[in-house]
Every structure is written in structure tokens, then in C-alpha cells.
Amino acid sequence: MYDKGNNLRIEVTINNPRDFKVMKEKEVIIEHEKLETIKEWVTYG
């Protein structure tokens, strides 16, 4: 934690990001070349 000007800033380091998930779009071919976009949760780690 430090002060820069009139702003108090807090920094955090995450060492184990396995619990964080991101919603990403994925393109899938369905029914002979019909392209569809689906969303799914992706876990990193």
C-alpha cells in the first residue's frame, strides 16, 4: 500500500490463480460448415 499524490493505492499479487475463471467465446462448426459461437468458462492454471 502506498500514497501517490492524493490517491491511496493498494497492490495485490496473486500466486495461485486457479480459482479465477474467464468467460471466452469459442467458434464451433455445426451441421456441415455452419459456424456458431458459444461461450464457456475457462480456468487458467
C-alpha atoms as a PDB file:
ATOM      1  CA  MET A   1       0.000   0.000   0.000  1.00  0.00           C
ATOM      2  CA  TYR A   2       1.377   3.430  -0.870  1.00  0.00           C
ATOM      3  CA  ASP A   3       0.280   7.007  -1.358  1.00  0.00           C
ATOM      4  CA  LYS A   4       0.804   8.785  -4.684  1.00  0.00           C
ATOM      5  CA  GLY A   5      -0.392  12.356  -4.598  1.00  0.00           C
ATOM      6  CA  ASN A   6      -3.848  12.332  -3.029  1.00  0.00           C
ATOM      7  CA  ASN A   7      -4.575   8.693  -4.032  1.00  0.00           C
ATOM      8  CA  LEU A   8      -4.083   5.742  -1.728  1.00  0.00           C
ATOM      9  CA  ARG A   9      -3.086   2.749  -3.887  1.00  0.00           C
ATOM     10  CA  ILE A  10      -3.206  -0.912  -2.927  1.00  0.00           C
ATOM     11  CA  GLU A  11      -1.383  -3.608  -4.916  1.00  0.00           C
ATOM     12  CA  VAL A  12      -2.041  -7.338  -4.711  1.00  0.00           C
ATOM     13  CA  THR A  13      -0.048 -10.283  -6.065  1.00  0.00           C
ATOM     14  CA  ILE A  14      -1.942 -13.479  -6.873  1.00  0.00           C
ATOM     15  CA  ASN A  15       0.306 -16.534  -6.661  1.00  0.00           C
ATOM     16  CA  ASN A  16      -2.325 -19.210  -7.304  1.00  0.00           C
ATOM     17  CA  PRO A  17      -4.851 -18.059  -9.979  1.00  0.00           C
ATOM     18  CA  ARG A  18      -6.581 -21.477 -10.360  1.00  0.00           C
ATOM     19  CA  ASP A  19      -9.780 -20.252  -8.711  1.00  0.00           C
ATOM     20  CA  PHE A  20     -10.286 -17.489 -11.282  1.00  0.00           C
ATOM     21  CA  LYS A  21     -12.359 -18.220 -14.382  1.00  0.00           C
ATOM     22  CA  VAL A  22     -12.844 -16.215 -17.591  1.00  0.00           C
ATOM     23  CA  MET A  23     -15.809 -16.348 -19.997  1.00  0.00           C
ATOM     24  CA  LYS A  24     -14.412 -16.815 -23.528  1.00  0.00           C
ATOM     25  CA  GLU A  25     -16.055 -17.172 -26.924  1.00  0.00           C
ATOM     26  CA  LYS A  26     -15.288 -20.268 -28.973  1.00  0.00           C
ATOM     27  CA  GLU A  27     -16.237 -20.904 -32.610  1.00  0.00           C
ATOM     28  CA  VAL A  28     -17.606 -24.392 -33.343  1.00  0.00           C
ATOM     29  CA  ILE A  29     -18.549 -25.982 -36.670  1.00  0.00           C
ATOM     30  CA  ILE A  30     -22.062 -27.442 -36.511  1.00  0.00           C
ATOM     31  CA  GLU A  31     -24.055 -29.204 -39.262  1.00  0.00           C
ATOM     32  CA  HIS A  32     -21.600 -29.239 -42.161  1.00  0.00           C
ATOM     33  CA  GLU A  33     -19.736 -25.922 -42.131  1.00  0.00           C
ATOM     34  CA  LYS A  34     -22.267 -23.894 -40.154  1.00  0.00           C
ATOM     35  CA  LEU A  35     -20.152 -21.756 -37.819  1.00  0.00           C
ATOM     36  CA  GLU A  36     -21.578 -20.965 -34.399  1.00  0.00           C
ATOM     37  CA  THR A  37     -20.087 -19.023 -31.498  1.00  0.00           C
ATOM     38  CA  ILE A  38     -20.504 -20.412 -27.994  1.00  0.00           C
ATOM     39  CA  LYS A  39     -19.319 -19.049 -24.657  1.00  0.00           C
ATOM     40  CA  GLU A  40     -17.685 -21.197 -21.998  1.00  0.00           C
ATOM     41  CA  TRP A  41     -15.836 -20.750 -18.731  1.00  0.00           C
ATOM     42  CA  VAL A  42     -12.051 -21.247 -18.948  1.00  0.00           C
ATOM     43  CA  THR A  43      -9.846 -21.895 -15.923  1.00  0.00           C
ATOM     44  CA  TYR A  44      -6.175 -20.996 -16.026  1.00  0.00           C
ATOM     45  CA  GLY A  45      -3.573 -22.949 -14.150  1.00  0.00           C
END
